[in-house]
Amino acid sequence: MSLRSRVMKGAALAAVVLVPAVAYADADGLKGTVASVTINETYADDYTAERGNLIVNEGSVARKYQWGGTACNGKNLSEANIALLFRALEATDKLEVVPSYKGGAGGARCLVGFRVQVIAAPPAN
């Protein structure tokens, strides 16, 4: 192998190694009210696939956001944040959520954060 071909191979390898990984930003779902929160414990049939999920009523659509498991590997929620979701479930007439997610395996929406906000009162006539 000539010196020139070695240099070219080395440059090509360096270019591949030095290309930064693409980081995808969190996406925001539509705001809605919490319809349900599911927690899967270690003996649940669905535990391997997901540690839990949140269903948000986004108008005419009930959208699923999940965390943990094979669908959302490494994307887990803390116990404190799960408790906040249950509080939002208890107050569906007063609170709405805006979920933040990243794409997961099989098209899953992996919940990586959320905003809880007071439902705005309709404007007075």
C-alpha atoms as a PDB file:
ATOM      1  CA  MET A   1       0.000   0.000   0.000  1.00  0.00           C
ATOM      2  CA  SER A   2       1.450   3.351  -0.994  1.00  0.00           C
ATOM      3  CA  LEU A   3       2.001   6.224   1.389  1.00  0.00           C
ATOM      4  CA  ARG A   4      -0.678   8.241  -0.385  1.00  0.00           C
ATOM      5  CA  SER A   5      -3.339   5.524  -0.002  1.00  0.00           C
ATOM      6  CA  ARG A   6      -2.448   5.125   3.694  1.00  0.00           C
ATOM      7  CA  VAL A   7      -2.801   8.864   4.257  1.00  0.00           C
ATOM      8  CA  MET A   8      -6.157   8.896   2.432  1.00  0.00           C
ATOM      9  CA  LYS A   9      -7.446   5.930   4.467  1.00  0.00           C
ATOM     10  CA  GLY A  10      -6.280   7.594   7.672  1.00  0.00           C
ATOM     11  CA  ALA A  11      -7.976  10.874   6.738  1.00  0.00           C
ATOM     12  CA  ALA A  12     -11.214   9.068   5.899  1.00  0.00           C
ATOM     13  CA  LEU A  13     -11.127   7.202   9.216  1.00  0.00           C
ATOM     14  CA  ALA A  14     -10.446  10.423  11.119  1.00  0.00           C
ATOM     15  CA  ALA A  15     -13.381  12.111   9.388  1.00  0.00           C
ATOM     16  CA  VAL A  16     -15.707   9.293  10.424  1.00  0.00           C
ATOM     17  CA  VAL A  17     -14.466   9.322  14.011  1.00  0.00           C
ATOM     18  CA  LEU A  18     -14.580  13.113  14.351  1.00  0.00           C
ATOM     19  CA  VAL A  19     -18.136  13.567  13.060  1.00  0.00           C
ATOM     20  CA  PRO A  20     -20.180  14.625  16.095  1.00  0.00           C
ATOM     21  CA  ALA A  21     -23.205  12.596  17.047  1.00  0.00           C
ATOM     22  CA  VAL A  22     -26.515  14.168  16.121  1.00  0.00           C
ATOM     23  CA  ALA A  23     -28.429  15.230  19.211  1.00  0.00           C
ATOM     24  CA  TYR A  24     -32.170  15.425  18.784  1.00  0.00           C
ATOM     25  CA  ALA A  25     -34.011  18.038  20.804  1.00  0.00           C
ATOM     26  CA  ASP A  26     -36.950  17.155  22.980  1.00  0.00           C
ATOM     27  CA  ALA A  27     -40.283  17.472  21.201  1.00  0.00           C
ATOM     28  CA  ASP A  28     -43.350  18.906  22.908  1.00  0.00           C
ATOM     29  CA  GLY A  29     -46.648  17.089  22.703  1.00  0.00           C
ATOM     30  CA  LEU A  30     -49.962  18.891  22.659  1.00  0.00           C
ATOM     31  CA  LYS A  31     -51.345  20.174  25.923  1.00  0.00           C
ATOM     32  CA  GLY A  32     -54.134  18.143  27.440  1.00  0.00           C
ATOM     33  CA  THR A  33     -55.471  16.621  30.601  1.00  0.00           C
ATOM     34  CA  VAL A  34     -54.168  13.455  32.226  1.00  0.00           C
ATOM     35  CA  ALA A  35     -56.488  10.549  31.462  1.00  0.00           C
ATOM     36  CA  SER A  36     -54.441   7.853  33.221  1.00  0.00           C
ATOM     37  CA  VAL A  37     -51.079   6.971  34.727  1.00  0.00           C
ATOM     38  CA  THR A  38     -49.920   3.342  34.682  1.00  0.00           C
ATOM     39  CA  ILE A  39     -47.043   1.962  36.739  1.00  0.00           C
ATOM     40  CA  ASN A  40     -45.618  -1.491  35.957  1.00  0.00           C
ATOM     41  CA  GLU A  41     -43.838  -3.286  38.763  1.00  0.00           C
ATOM     42  CA  THR A  42     -41.148  -5.918  38.163  1.00  0.00           C
ATOM     43  CA  TYR A  43     -43.613  -8.835  37.993  1.00  0.00           C
ATOM     44  CA  ALA A  44     -45.972  -7.171  35.514  1.00  0.00           C
ATOM     45  CA  ASP A  45     -46.125  -8.663  32.009  1.00  0.00           C
ATOM     46  CA  ASP A  46     -45.442  -5.210  30.494  1.00  0.00           C
ATOM     47  CA  TYR A  47     -42.483  -4.358  32.773  1.00  0.00           C
ATOM     48  CA  THR A  48     -39.859  -5.344  30.196  1.00  0.00           C
ATOM     49  CA  ALA A  49     -41.448  -3.143  27.527  1.00  0.00           C
ATOM     50  CA  GLU A  50     -42.139  -0.113  29.747  1.00  0.00           C
ATOM     51  CA  ARG A  51     -41.883   0.919  33.388  1.00  0.00           C
ATOM     52  CA  GLY A  52     -45.011   3.019  33.040  1.00  0.00           C
ATOM     53  CA  ASN A  53     -47.050   5.286  30.834  1.00  0.00           C
ATOM     54  CA  LEU A  54     -49.108   8.433  30.765  1.00  0.00           C
ATOM     55  CA  ILE A  55     -52.230   8.869  28.647  1.00  0.00           C
ATOM     56  CA  VAL A  56     -52.999  12.499  27.782  1.00  0.00           C
ATOM     57  CA  ASN A  57     -56.335  13.628  26.357  1.00  0.00           C
ATOM     58  CA  GLU A  58     -55.280  15.992  23.589  1.00  0.00           C
ATOM     59  CA  GLY A  59     -58.725  17.052  22.432  1.00  0.00           C
ATOM     60  CA  SER A  60     -60.072  14.206  20.288  1.00  0.00           C
ATOM     61  CA  VAL A  61     -56.930  12.049  20.696  1.00  0.00           C
ATOM     62  CA  ALA A  62     -55.771  10.070  23.731  1.00  0.00           C
ATOM     63  CA  ARG A  63     -51.977   9.956  23.299  1.00  0.00           C
ATOM     64  CA  LYS A  64     -49.617   7.550  25.099  1.00  0.00           C
ATOM     65  CA  TYR A  65     -46.247   8.656  26.497  1.00  0.00           C
ATOM     66  CA  GLN A  66     -44.124   6.033  28.222  1.00  0.00           C
ATOM     67  CA  TRP A  67     -40.881   5.654  30.136  1.00  0.00           C
ATOM     68  CA  GLY A  68     -38.292   2.968  30.776  1.00  0.00           C
ATOM     69  CA  GLY A  69     -38.149  -0.569  29.453  1.00  0.00           C
ATOM     70  CA  THR A  70     -37.015  -1.668  26.018  1.00  0.00           C
ATOM     71  CA  ALA A  71     -39.102   0.965  24.218  1.00  0.00           C
ATOM     72  CA  CYS A  72     -37.550   3.846  26.176  1.00  0.00           C
ATOM     73  CA  ASN A  73     -34.267   2.458  27.460  1.00  0.00           C
ATOM     74  CA  GLY A  74     -32.658   4.769  30.025  1.00  0.00           C
ATOM     75  CA  LYS A  75     -35.531   7.257  30.013  1.00  0.00           C
ATOM     76  CA  ASN A  76     -37.030   6.813  33.459  1.00  0.00           C
ATOM     77  CA  LEU A  77     -39.084   9.135  35.655  1.00  0.00           C
ATOM     78  CA  SER A  78     -38.366   9.852  39.293  1.00  0.00           C
ATOM     79  CA  GLU A  79     -40.896   8.912  41.965  1.00  0.00           C
ATOM     80  CA  ALA A  80     -41.457  12.625  42.636  1.00  0.00           C
ATOM     81  CA  ASN A  81     -42.374  13.286  38.995  1.00  0.00           C
ATOM     82  CA  ILE A  82     -44.682  10.267  38.897  1.00  0.00           C
ATOM     83  CA  ALA A  83     -46.408  11.682  41.998  1.00  0.00           C
ATOM     84  CA  LEU A  84     -46.874  15.005  40.154  1.00  0.00           C
ATOM     85  CA  LEU A  85     -48.572  13.161  37.309  1.00  0.00           C
ATOM     86  CA  PHE A  86     -50.966  11.534  39.776  1.00  0.00           C
ATOM     87  CA  ARG A  87     -51.757  14.972  41.227  1.00  0.00           C
ATOM     88  CA  ALA A  88     -52.498  16.249  37.711  1.00  0.00           C
ATOM     89  CA  LEU A  89     -54.773  13.212  37.235  1.00  0.00           C
ATOM     90  CA  GLU A  90     -56.669  14.100  40.412  1.00  0.00           C
ATOM     91  CA  ALA A  91     -57.204  17.675  39.202  1.00  0.00           C
ATOM     92  CA  THR A  92     -58.095  17.163  35.535  1.00  0.00           C
ATOM     93  CA  ASP A  93     -60.653  19.979  35.736  1.00  0.00           C
ATOM     94  CA  LYS A  94     -57.974  22.447  36.921  1.00  0.00           C
ATOM     95  CA  LEU A  95     -54.635  21.283  35.479  1.00  0.00           C
ATOM     96  CA  GLU A  96     -53.294  20.321  32.092  1.00  0.00           C
ATOM     97  CA  VAL A  97     -49.934  18.924  31.045  1.00  0.00           C
ATOM     98  CA  VAL A  98     -47.593  19.534  28.140  1.00  0.00           C
ATOM     99  CA  PRO A  99     -45.401  16.447  27.759  1.00  0.00           C
ATOM    100  CA  SER A 100     -41.846  16.552  26.398  1.00  0.00           C
ATOM    101  CA  TYR A 101     -40.666  13.406  24.672  1.00  0.00           C
ATOM    102  CA  LYS A 102     -38.004  11.751  22.568  1.00  0.00           C
ATOM    103  CA  GLY A 103     -38.624   9.046  19.999  1.00  0.00           C
ATOM    104  CA  GLY A 104     -38.144   5.491  21.204  1.00  0.00           C
ATOM    105  CA  ALA A 105     -38.204   1.966  19.809  1.00  0.00           C
ATOM    106  CA  GLY A 106     -41.173   1.115  17.630  1.00  0.00           C
ATOM    107  CA  GLY A 107     -42.322   4.731  17.394  1.00  0.00           C
ATOM    108  CA  ALA A 108     -42.856   5.073  21.153  1.00  0.00           C
ATOM    109  CA  ARG A 109     -43.057   8.560  22.605  1.00  0.00           C
ATOM    110  CA  CYS A 110     -40.635   8.434  25.545  1.00  0.00           C
ATOM    111  CA  LEU A 111     -41.602  10.907  28.253  1.00  0.00           C
ATOM    112  CA  VAL A 112     -38.524  12.909  29.298  1.00  0.00           C
ATOM    113  CA  GLY A 113     -40.280  15.811  31.023  1.00  0.00           C
ATOM    114  CA  PHE A 114     -43.528  17.694  31.294  1.00  0.00           C
ATOM    115  CA  ARG A 115     -45.034  21.018  32.273  1.00  0.00           C
ATOM    116  CA  VAL A 116     -48.099  21.191  34.495  1.00  0.00           C
ATOM    117  CA  GLN A 117     -50.151  24.349  34.139  1.00  0.00           C
ATOM    118  CA  VAL A 118     -53.476  25.752  35.276  1.00  0.00           C
ATOM    119  CA  ILE A 119     -56.233  25.485  32.692  1.00  0.00           C
ATOM    120  CA  ALA A 120     -56.844  28.974  31.407  1.00  0.00           C
ATOM    121  CA  ALA A 121     -60.303  30.358  32.046  1.00  0.00           C
ATOM    122  CA  PRO A 122     -62.213  31.290  28.901  1.00  0.00           C
ATOM    123  CA  PRO A 123     -62.226  35.044  28.219  1.00  0.00           C
ATOM    124  CA  ALA A 124     -65.172  36.959  29.673  1.00  0.00           C
ATOM    125  CA  ASN A 125     -67.707  38.254  27.160  1.00  0.00           C
END
